[in-house]
């Protein structure tokens, strides 16, 4: 017999009645057993997409060409904020 450890954490939130009713209707429409199941599903489905979007930078070809041109311009020097951000990325292992 396997022992499964469940560490359920609690998220508390307050919403107006209209928002709660909307969530309850959507939960029922999806066949969720509870509002908690519905909210958990939303978090699990949407969070990875949001996190991935924050990791990517999408540029048009023109924007990319301008970026490369600026990167190759040796007359430009990085500002304090850019140096600070680069240092932080190095410390975080990126």
PDB file of N, CA and C in Angstrom:
ATOM      1  N   UNK A   1       0.828  -1.174   0.000  1.00  0.00           N
ATOM      2  CA  UNK A   1       0.000   0.000   0.000  1.00  0.00           C
ATOM      3  C   UNK A   1       0.879   1.246   0.000  1.00  0.00           C
ATOM      4  N   UNK A   2       0.654   2.141  -0.954  1.00  0.00           N
ATOM      5  CA  UNK A   2       1.435   3.369  -1.058  1.00  0.00           C
ATOM      6  C   UNK A   2       0.800   4.459  -0.211  1.00  0.00           C
ATOM      7  N   UNK A   3       1.653   5.215   0.425  1.00  0.00           N
ATOM      8  CA  UNK A   3       1.181   6.342   1.225  1.00  0.00           C
ATOM      9  C   UNK A   3       1.413   7.607   0.413  1.00  0.00           C
ATOM     10  N   UNK A   4       0.365   8.341   0.174  1.00  0.00           N
ATOM     11  CA  UNK A   4       0.451   9.583  -0.596  1.00  0.00           C
ATOM     12  C   UNK A   4       0.325  10.750   0.362  1.00  0.00           C
ATOM     13  N   UNK A   5       1.308  11.613   0.317  1.00  0.00           N
ATOM     14  CA  UNK A   5       1.289  12.800   1.171  1.00  0.00           C
ATOM     15  C   UNK A   5       0.715  13.962   0.374  1.00  0.00           C
ATOM     16  N   UNK A   6      -0.291  14.581   0.915  1.00  0.00           N
ATOM     17  CA  UNK A   6      -0.915  15.717   0.248  1.00  0.00           C
ATOM     18  C   UNK A   6      -0.679  16.958   1.091  1.00  0.00           C
ATOM     19  N   UNK A   7      -0.071  17.945   0.491  1.00  0.00           N
ATOM     20  CA  UNK A   7       0.202  19.194   1.191  1.00  0.00           C
ATOM     21  C   UNK A   7      -0.656  20.276   0.544  1.00  0.00           C
ATOM     22  N   UNK A   8      -1.903  20.352   0.949  1.00  0.00           N
ATOM     23  CA  UNK A   8      -2.808  21.342   0.373  1.00  0.00           C
ATOM     24  C   UNK A   8      -2.580  22.703   1.010  1.00  0.00           C
ATOM     25  N   UNK A   9      -2.319  23.668   0.160  1.00  0.00           N
ATOM     26  CA  UNK A   9      -2.137  25.038   0.598  1.00  0.00           C
ATOM     27  C   UNK A   9      -3.433  25.798   0.350  1.00  0.00           C
ATOM     28  N   UNK A  10      -3.614  26.849   1.075  1.00  0.00           N
ATOM     29  CA  UNK A  10      -4.858  27.610   0.989  1.00  0.00           C
ATOM     30  C   UNK A  10      -4.583  28.956   0.311  1.00  0.00           C
ATOM     31  N   UNK A  11      -5.492  29.334  -0.582  1.00  0.00           N
ATOM     32  CA  UNK A  11      -5.483  30.669  -1.187  1.00  0.00           C
ATOM     33  C   UNK A  11      -6.789  31.328  -0.793  1.00  0.00           C
ATOM     34  N   UNK A  12      -6.693  32.456  -0.151  1.00  0.00           N
ATOM     35  CA  UNK A  12      -7.906  33.172   0.247  1.00  0.00           C
ATOM     36  C   UNK A  12      -8.054  34.393  -0.634  1.00  0.00           C
ATOM     37  N   UNK A  13      -9.289  34.633  -1.058  1.00  0.00           N
ATOM     38  CA  UNK A  13      -9.544  35.813  -1.872  1.00  0.00           C
ATOM     39  C   UNK A  13     -10.989  36.259  -1.706  1.00  0.00           C
ATOM     40  N   UNK A  14     -11.200  37.514  -1.934  1.00  0.00           N
ATOM     41  CA  UNK A  14     -12.549  38.065  -1.881  1.00  0.00           C
ATOM     42  C   UNK A  14     -12.852  38.647  -3.250  1.00  0.00           C
ATOM     43  N   UNK A  15     -14.082  38.364  -3.720  1.00  0.00           N
ATOM     44  CA  UNK A  15     -14.538  38.902  -4.992  1.00  0.00           C
ATOM     45  C   UNK A  15     -15.972  39.394  -4.818  1.00  0.00           C
ATOM     46  N   UNK A  16     -16.402  40.241  -5.723  1.00  0.00           N
ATOM     47  CA  UNK A  16     -17.786  40.709  -5.655  1.00  0.00           C
ATOM     48  C   UNK A  16     -18.718  39.576  -6.077  1.00  0.00           C
ATOM     49  N   UNK A  17     -19.986  39.700  -5.763  1.00  0.00           N
ATOM     50  CA  UNK A  17     -20.946  38.616  -6.004  1.00  0.00           C
ATOM     51  C   UNK A  17     -21.082  38.299  -7.490  1.00  0.00           C
ATOM     52  N   UNK A  18     -21.004  39.302  -8.338  1.00  0.00           N
ATOM     53  CA  UNK A  18     -21.116  39.061  -9.780  1.00  0.00           C
ATOM     54  C   UNK A  18     -19.966  38.186 -10.278  1.00  0.00           C
ATOM     55  N   UNK A  19     -18.763  38.460  -9.809  1.00  0.00           N
ATOM     56  CA  UNK A  19     -17.598  37.663 -10.200  1.00  0.00           C
ATOM     57  C   UNK A  19     -17.726  36.231  -9.701  1.00  0.00           C
ATOM     58  N   UNK A  20     -18.197  36.069  -8.469  1.00  0.00           N
ATOM     59  CA  UNK A  20     -18.370  34.724  -7.914  1.00  0.00           C
ATOM     60  C   UNK A  20     -19.413  33.949  -8.714  1.00  0.00           C
ATOM     61  N   UNK A  21     -20.531  34.587  -9.032  1.00  0.00           N
ATOM     62  CA  UNK A  21     -21.576  33.914  -9.808  1.00  0.00           C
ATOM     63  C   UNK A  21     -21.067  33.511 -11.191  1.00  0.00           C
ATOM     64  N   UNK A  22     -20.301  34.378 -11.806  1.00  0.00           N
ATOM     65  CA  UNK A  22     -19.728  34.090 -13.113  1.00  0.00           C
ATOM     66  C   UNK A  22     -18.798  32.876 -13.027  1.00  0.00           C
ATOM     67  N   UNK A  23     -17.961  32.845 -12.010  1.00  0.00           N
ATOM     68  CA  UNK A  23     -17.044  31.719 -11.820  1.00  0.00           C
ATOM     69  C   UNK A  23     -17.812  30.423 -11.542  1.00  0.00           C
ATOM     70  N   UNK A  24     -18.868  30.516 -10.737  1.00  0.00           N
ATOM     71  CA  UNK A  24     -19.663  29.328 -10.436  1.00  0.00           C
ATOM     72  C   UNK A  24     -20.347  28.792 -11.701  1.00  0.00           C
ATOM     73  N   UNK A  25     -20.850  29.675 -12.540  1.00  0.00           N
ATOM     74  CA  UNK A  25     -21.491  29.247 -13.786  1.00  0.00           C
ATOM     75  C   UNK A  25     -20.485  28.578 -14.716  1.00  0.00           C
ATOM     76  N   UNK A  26     -19.297  29.166 -14.820  1.00  0.00           N
ATOM     77  CA  UNK A  26     -18.260  28.583 -15.675  1.00  0.00           C
ATOM     78  C   UNK A  26     -17.792  27.245 -15.112  1.00  0.00           C
ATOM     79  N   UNK A  27     -17.675  27.160 -13.803  1.00  0.00           N
ATOM     80  CA  UNK A  27     -17.282  25.913 -13.146  1.00  0.00           C
ATOM     81  C   UNK A  27     -18.276  24.808 -13.467  1.00  0.00           C
ATOM     82  N   UNK A  28     -19.542  25.112 -13.356  1.00  0.00           N
ATOM     83  CA  UNK A  28     -20.591  24.139 -13.655  1.00  0.00           C
ATOM     84  C   UNK A  28     -20.556  23.757 -15.130  1.00  0.00           C
ATOM     85  N   UNK A  29     -20.373  24.735 -15.996  1.00  0.00           N
ATOM     86  CA  UNK A  29     -20.335  24.471 -17.441  1.00  0.00           C
ATOM     87  C   UNK A  29     -19.199  23.526 -17.817  1.00  0.00           C
ATOM     88  N   UNK A  30     -18.085  23.606 -17.091  1.00  0.00           N
ATOM     89  CA  UNK A  30     -16.946  22.724 -17.359  1.00  0.00           C
ATOM     90  C   UNK A  30     -17.055  21.381 -16.651  1.00  0.00           C
ATOM     91  N   UNK A  31     -18.054  21.247 -15.803  1.00  0.00           N
ATOM     92  CA  UNK A  31     -18.228  19.986 -15.087  1.00  0.00           C
ATOM     93  C   UNK A  31     -17.317  19.825 -13.888  1.00  0.00           C
ATOM     94  N   UNK A  32     -16.849  20.923 -13.351  1.00  0.00           N
ATOM     95  CA  UNK A  32     -15.994  20.862 -12.161  1.00  0.00           C
ATOM     96  C   UNK A  32     -16.853  20.531 -10.944  1.00  0.00           C
ATOM     97  N   UNK A  33     -16.266  19.781 -10.026  1.00  0.00           N
ATOM     98  CA  UNK A  33     -16.991  19.378  -8.822  1.00  0.00           C
ATOM     99  C   UNK A  33     -17.135  20.522  -7.831  1.00  0.00           C
ATOM    100  N   UNK A  34     -16.276  21.525  -7.950  1.00  0.00           N
ATOM    101  CA  UNK A  34     -16.314  22.637  -7.004  1.00  0.00           C
ATOM    102  C   UNK A  34     -15.694  23.878  -7.638  1.00  0.00           C
ATOM    103  N   UNK A  35     -15.916  24.990  -7.003  1.00  0.00           N
ATOM    104  CA  UNK A  35     -15.297  26.239  -7.444  1.00  0.00           C
ATOM    105  C   UNK A  35     -13.781  26.155  -7.271  1.00  0.00           C
ATOM    106  N   UNK A  36     -13.341  25.490  -6.220  1.00  0.00           N
ATOM    107  CA  UNK A  36     -11.897  25.304  -6.009  1.00  0.00           C
ATOM    108  C   UNK A  36     -11.269  24.515  -7.156  1.00  0.00           C
ATOM    109  N   UNK A  37     -11.957  23.472  -7.613  1.00  0.00           N
ATOM    110  CA  UNK A  37     -11.439  22.684  -8.737  1.00  0.00           C
ATOM    111  C   UNK A  37     -11.332  23.551  -9.980  1.00  0.00           C
ATOM    112  N   UNK A  38     -12.330  24.378 -10.207  1.00  0.00           N
ATOM    113  CA  UNK A  38     -12.332  25.270 -11.371  1.00  0.00           C
ATOM    114  C   UNK A  38     -11.162  26.252 -11.306  1.00  0.00           C
ATOM    115  N   UNK A  39     -10.979  26.890 -10.175  1.00  0.00           N
ATOM    116  CA  UNK A  39      -9.897  27.867 -10.032  1.00  0.00           C
ATOM    117  C   UNK A  39      -8.537  27.181 -10.147  1.00  0.00           C
ATOM    118  N   UNK A  40      -8.411  25.997  -9.575  1.00  0.00           N
ATOM    119  CA  UNK A  40      -7.162  25.240  -9.689  1.00  0.00           C
ATOM    120  C   UNK A  40      -6.875  24.917 -11.154  1.00  0.00           C
ATOM    121  N   UNK A  41      -7.916  24.520 -11.890  1.00  0.00           N
ATOM    122  CA  UNK A  41      -7.746  24.212 -13.311  1.00  0.00           C
ATOM    123  C   UNK A  41      -7.268  25.447 -14.073  1.00  0.00           C
ATOM    124  N   UNK A  42      -7.883  26.591 -13.790  1.00  0.00           N
ATOM    125  CA  UNK A  42      -7.478  27.832 -14.456  1.00  0.00           C
ATOM    126  C   UNK A  42      -6.008  28.153 -14.179  1.00  0.00           C
ATOM    127  N   UNK A  43      -5.612  28.017 -12.937  1.00  0.00           N
ATOM    128  CA  UNK A  43      -4.227  28.317 -12.557  1.00  0.00           C
ATOM    129  C   UNK A  43      -3.270  27.375 -13.276  1.00  0.00           C
ATOM    130  N   UNK A  44      -3.570  26.076 -13.246  1.00  0.00           N
ATOM    131  CA  UNK A  44      -2.679  25.089 -13.867  1.00  0.00           C
ATOM    132  C   UNK A  44      -2.609  25.238 -15.383  1.00  0.00           C
ATOM    133  N   UNK A  45      -3.713  25.621 -16.018  1.00  0.00           N
ATOM    134  CA  UNK A  45      -3.715  25.767 -17.474  1.00  0.00           C
ATOM    135  C   UNK A  45      -3.082  27.075 -17.929  1.00  0.00           C
ATOM    136  N   UNK A  46      -3.317  28.154 -17.189  1.00  0.00           N
ATOM    137  CA  UNK A  46      -2.871  29.470 -17.651  1.00  0.00           C
ATOM    138  C   UNK A  46      -1.497  29.892 -17.149  1.00  0.00           C
ATOM    139  N   UNK A  47      -1.125  29.491 -15.967  1.00  0.00           N
ATOM    140  CA  UNK A  47       0.146  29.942 -15.397  1.00  0.00           C
ATOM    141  C   UNK A  47       1.359  29.586 -16.245  1.00  0.00           C
ATOM    142  N   UNK A  48       1.482  28.345 -16.732  1.00  0.00           N
ATOM    143  CA  UNK A  48       2.654  28.043 -17.567  1.00  0.00           C
ATOM    144  C   UNK A  48       2.733  28.914 -18.820  1.00  0.00           C
ATOM    145  N   UNK A  49       1.583  29.225 -19.428  1.00  0.00           N
ATOM    146  CA  UNK A  49       1.572  30.079 -20.618  1.00  0.00           C
ATOM    147  C   UNK A  49       2.070  31.487 -20.277  1.00  0.00           C
ATOM    148  N   UNK A  50       1.589  32.010 -19.160  1.00  0.00           N
ATOM    149  CA  UNK A  50       1.979  33.359 -18.743  1.00  0.00           C
ATOM    150  C   UNK A  50       3.467  33.407 -18.434  1.00  0.00           C
ATOM    151  N   UNK A  51       3.956  32.403 -17.719  1.00  0.00           N
ATOM    152  CA  UNK A  51       5.379  32.355 -17.374  1.00  0.00           C
ATOM    153  C   UNK A  51       6.224  32.251 -18.640  1.00  0.00           C
ATOM    154  N   UNK A  52       5.801  31.432 -19.599  1.00  0.00           N
ATOM    155  CA  UNK A  52       6.541  31.301 -20.853  1.00  0.00           C
ATOM    156  C   UNK A  52       6.575  32.624 -21.609  1.00  0.00           C
ATOM    157  N   UNK A  53       5.462  33.352 -21.625  1.00  0.00           N
ATOM    158  CA  UNK A  53       5.418  34.642 -22.313  1.00  0.00           C
ATOM    159  C   UNK A  53       6.429  35.611 -21.715  1.00  0.00           C
ATOM    160  N   UNK A  54       6.650  35.526 -20.414  1.00  0.00           N
ATOM    161  CA  UNK A  54       7.593  36.420 -19.758  1.00  0.00           C
ATOM    162  C   UNK A  54       9.045  36.064 -20.075  1.00  0.00           C
ATOM    163  N   UNK A  55       9.271  34.841 -20.563  1.00  0.00           N
ATOM    164  CA  UNK A  55      10.616  34.381 -20.875  1.00  0.00           C
ATOM    165  C   UNK A  55      11.002  34.680 -22.318  1.00  0.00           C
ATOM    166  N   UNK A  56      10.043  35.043 -23.146  1.00  0.00           N
ATOM    167  CA  UNK A  56      10.286  35.265 -24.564  1.00  0.00           C
ATOM    168  C   UNK A  56      10.173  36.734 -24.935  1.00  0.00           C
ATOM    169  N   UNK A  57      10.964  37.112 -25.896  1.00  0.00           N
ATOM    170  CA  UNK A  57      10.849  38.441 -26.489  1.00  0.00           C
ATOM    171  C   UNK A  57      10.620  38.215 -27.981  1.00  0.00           C
ATOM    172  N   UNK A  58       9.509  38.710 -28.487  1.00  0.00           N
ATOM    173  CA  UNK A  58       9.196  38.543 -29.904  1.00  0.00           C
ATOM    174  C   UNK A  58       9.392  39.865 -30.614  1.00  0.00           C
ATOM    175  N   UNK A  59      10.161  39.825 -31.686  1.00  0.00           N
ATOM    176  CA  UNK A  59      10.462  41.011 -32.465  1.00  0.00           C
ATOM    177  C   UNK A  59      10.158  40.768 -33.926  1.00  0.00           C
ATOM    178  N   UNK A  60       9.814  41.829 -34.618  1.00  0.00           N
ATOM    179  CA  UNK A  60       9.701  41.740 -36.070  1.00  0.00           C
ATOM    180  C   UNK A  60      11.123  41.720 -36.633  1.00  0.00           C
ATOM    181  N   UNK A  61      11.261  41.386 -37.903  1.00  0.00           N
ATOM    182  CA  UNK A  61      12.592  41.388 -38.524  1.00  0.00           C
ATOM    183  C   UNK A  61      13.224  42.772 -38.448  1.00  0.00           C
ATOM    184  N   UNK A  62      12.420  43.801 -38.650  1.00  0.00           N
ATOM    185  CA  UNK A  62      12.938  45.178 -38.593  1.00  0.00           C
ATOM    186  C   UNK A  62      13.425  45.517 -37.179  1.00  0.00           C
ATOM    187  N   UNK A  63      12.633  45.147 -36.174  1.00  0.00           N
ATOM    188  CA  UNK A  63      13.035  45.406 -34.790  1.00  0.00           C
ATOM    189  C   UNK A  63      14.327  44.659 -34.455  1.00  0.00           C
ATOM    190  N   UNK A  64      14.425  43.420 -34.920  1.00  0.00           N
ATOM    191  CA  UNK A  64      15.629  42.632 -34.660  1.00  0.00           C
ATOM    192  C   UNK A  64      16.843  43.267 -35.327  1.00  0.00           C
ATOM    193  N   UNK A  65      16.683  43.703 -36.572  1.00  0.00           N
ATOM    194  CA  UNK A  65      17.791  44.347 -37.282  1.00  0.00           C
ATOM    195  C   UNK A  65      18.253  45.607 -36.561  1.00  0.00           C
ATOM    196  N   UNK A  66      17.295  46.410 -36.058  1.00  0.00           N
ATOM    197  CA  UNK A  66      17.643  47.618 -35.292  1.00  0.00           C
ATOM    198  C   UNK A  66      18.377  47.245 -34.004  1.00  0.00           C
ATOM    199  N   UNK A  67      17.911  46.194 -33.341  1.00  0.00           N
ATOM    200  CA  UNK A  67      18.547  45.741 -32.114  1.00  0.00           C
ATOM    201  C   UNK A  67      20.001  45.334 -32.377  1.00  0.00           C
ATOM    202  N   UNK A  68      20.220  44.537 -33.415  1.00  0.00           N
ATOM    203  CA  UNK A  68      21.575  44.084 -33.750  1.00  0.00           C
ATOM    204  C   UNK A  68      22.459  45.272 -34.095  1.00  0.00           C
ATOM    205  N   UNK A  69      21.901  46.215 -34.836  1.00  0.00           N
ATOM    206  CA  UNK A  69      22.667  47.411 -35.207  1.00  0.00           C
ATOM    207  C   UNK A  69      23.111  48.172 -33.953  1.00  0.00           C
ATOM    208  N   UNK A  70      22.217  48.332 -33.009  1.00  0.00           N
ATOM    209  CA  UNK A  70      22.564  49.022 -31.762  1.00  0.00           C
ATOM    210  C   UNK A  70      23.590  48.236 -30.956  1.00  0.00           C
ATOM    211  N   UNK A  71      23.456  46.919 -30.951  1.00  0.00           N
ATOM    212  CA  UNK A  71      24.417  46.088 -30.214  1.00  0.00           C
ATOM    213  C   UNK A  71      25.823  46.198 -30.790  1.00  0.00           C
ATOM    214  N   UNK A  72      25.924  46.414 -32.087  1.00  0.00           N
ATOM    215  CA  UNK A  72      27.229  46.479 -32.753  1.00  0.00           C
ATOM    216  C   UNK A  72      27.821  47.883 -32.769  1.00  0.00           C
ATOM    217  N   UNK A  73      27.076  48.856 -32.297  1.00  0.00           N
ATOM    218  CA  UNK A  73      27.559  50.238 -32.268  1.00  0.00           C
ATOM    219  C   UNK A  73      28.469  50.418 -31.063  1.00  0.00           C
ATOM    220  N   UNK A  74      29.787  50.439 -31.302  1.00  0.00           N
ATOM    221  CA  UNK A  74      30.761  50.513 -30.204  1.00  0.00           C
ATOM    222  C   UNK A  74      30.806  51.884 -29.544  1.00  0.00           C
ATOM    223  N   UNK A  75      30.192  52.893 -30.165  1.00  0.00           N
ATOM    224  CA  UNK A  75      30.199  54.228 -29.561  1.00  0.00           C
ATOM    225  C   UNK A  75      29.192  54.337 -28.412  1.00  0.00           C
ATOM    226  N   UNK A  76      28.245  53.403 -28.351  1.00  0.00           N
ATOM    227  CA  UNK A  76      27.238  53.419 -27.291  1.00  0.00           C
ATOM    228  C   UNK A  76      27.755  52.684 -26.062  1.00  0.00           C
ATOM    229  N   UNK A  77      27.506  53.246 -24.907  1.00  0.00           N
ATOM    230  CA  UNK A  77      27.904  52.633 -23.644  1.00  0.00           C
ATOM    231  C   UNK A  77      26.650  52.290 -22.840  1.00  0.00           C
ATOM    232  N   UNK A  78      26.645  51.136 -22.164  1.00  0.00           N
ATOM    233  CA  UNK A  78      25.463  50.760 -21.372  1.00  0.00           C
ATOM    234  C   UNK A  78      25.290  51.681 -20.170  1.00  0.00           C
ATOM    235  N   UNK A  79      24.035  51.978 -19.848  1.00  0.00           N
ATOM    236  CA  UNK A  79      23.726  52.809 -18.694  1.00  0.00           C
ATOM    237  C   UNK A  79      23.774  51.996 -17.408  1.00  0.00           C
ATOM    238  N   UNK A  80      23.630  52.689 -16.272  1.00  0.00           N
ATOM    239  CA  UNK A  80      23.697  52.039 -14.961  1.00  0.00           C
ATOM    240  C   UNK A  80      22.626  50.961 -14.802  1.00  0.00           C
ATOM    241  N   UNK A  81      21.403  51.247 -15.243  1.00  0.00           N
ATOM    242  CA  UNK A  81      20.302  50.285 -15.103  1.00  0.00           C
ATOM    243  C   UNK A  81      20.583  49.002 -15.887  1.00  0.00           C
ATOM    244  N   UNK A  82      21.107  49.154 -17.101  1.00  0.00           N
ATOM    245  CA  UNK A  82      21.417  47.985 -17.922  1.00  0.00           C
ATOM    246  C   UNK A  82      22.545  47.163 -17.291  1.00  0.00           C
ATOM    247  N   UNK A  83      23.548  47.829 -16.785  1.00  0.00           N
ATOM    248  CA  UNK A  83      24.643  47.122 -16.112  1.00  0.00           C
ATOM    249  C   UNK A  83      24.142  46.392 -14.865  1.00  0.00           C
ATOM    250  N   UNK A  84      23.248  47.035 -14.133  1.00  0.00           N
ATOM    251  CA  UNK A  84      22.664  46.421 -12.943  1.00  0.00           C
ATOM    252  C   UNK A  84      21.857  45.177 -13.320  1.00  0.00           C
ATOM    253  N   UNK A  85      21.062  45.282 -14.396  1.00  0.00           N
ATOM    254  CA  UNK A  85      20.259  44.144 -14.852  1.00  0.00           C
ATOM    255  C   UNK A  85      21.160  43.004 -15.321  1.00  0.00           C
ATOM    256  N   UNK A  86      22.223  43.325 -16.042  1.00  0.00           N
ATOM    257  CA  UNK A  86      23.156  42.292 -16.519  1.00  0.00           C
ATOM    258  C   UNK A  86      23.829  41.589 -15.348  1.00  0.00           C
ATOM    259  N   UNK A  87      24.199  42.336 -14.330  1.00  0.00           N
ATOM    260  CA  UNK A  87      24.825  41.748 -13.147  1.00  0.00           C
ATOM    261  C   UNK A  87      23.859  40.791 -12.447  1.00  0.00           C
ATOM    262  N   UNK A  88      22.603  41.226 -12.334  1.00  0.00           N
ATOM    263  CA  UNK A  88      21.601  40.378 -11.694  1.00  0.00           C
ATOM    264  C   UNK A  88      21.397  39.070 -12.470  1.00  0.00           C
ATOM    265  N   UNK A  89      21.341  39.169 -13.804  1.00  0.00           N
ATOM    266  CA  UNK A  89      21.203  37.969 -14.626  1.00  0.00           C
ATOM    267  C   UNK A  89      22.388  37.030 -14.434  1.00  0.00           C
ATOM    268  N   UNK A  90      23.586  37.594 -14.352  1.00  0.00           N
ATOM    269  CA  UNK A  90      24.774  36.771 -14.115  1.00  0.00           C
ATOM    270  C   UNK A  90      24.692  36.065 -12.769  1.00  0.00           C
ATOM    271  N   UNK A  91      24.251  36.799 -11.750  1.00  0.00           N
ATOM    272  CA  UNK A  91      24.142  36.210 -10.406  1.00  0.00           C
ATOM    273  C   UNK A  91      23.096  35.110 -10.347  1.00  0.00           C
ATOM    274  N   UNK A  92      22.050  35.233 -11.180  1.00  0.00           N
ATOM    275  CA  UNK A  92      20.979  34.235 -11.204  1.00  0.00           C
ATOM    276  C   UNK A  92      21.282  33.073 -12.140  1.00  0.00           C
ATOM    277  N   UNK A  93      22.424  33.137 -12.827  1.00  0.00           N
ATOM    278  CA  UNK A  93      22.849  32.023 -13.674  1.00  0.00           C
ATOM    279  C   UNK A  93      22.297  32.020 -15.077  1.00  0.00           C
ATOM    280  N   UNK A  94      21.889  33.169 -15.586  1.00  0.00           N
ATOM    281  CA  UNK A  94      21.386  33.224 -16.960  1.00  0.00           C
ATOM    282  C   UNK A  94      22.490  33.554 -17.925  1.00  0.00           C
TER     283      UNK A  94
END
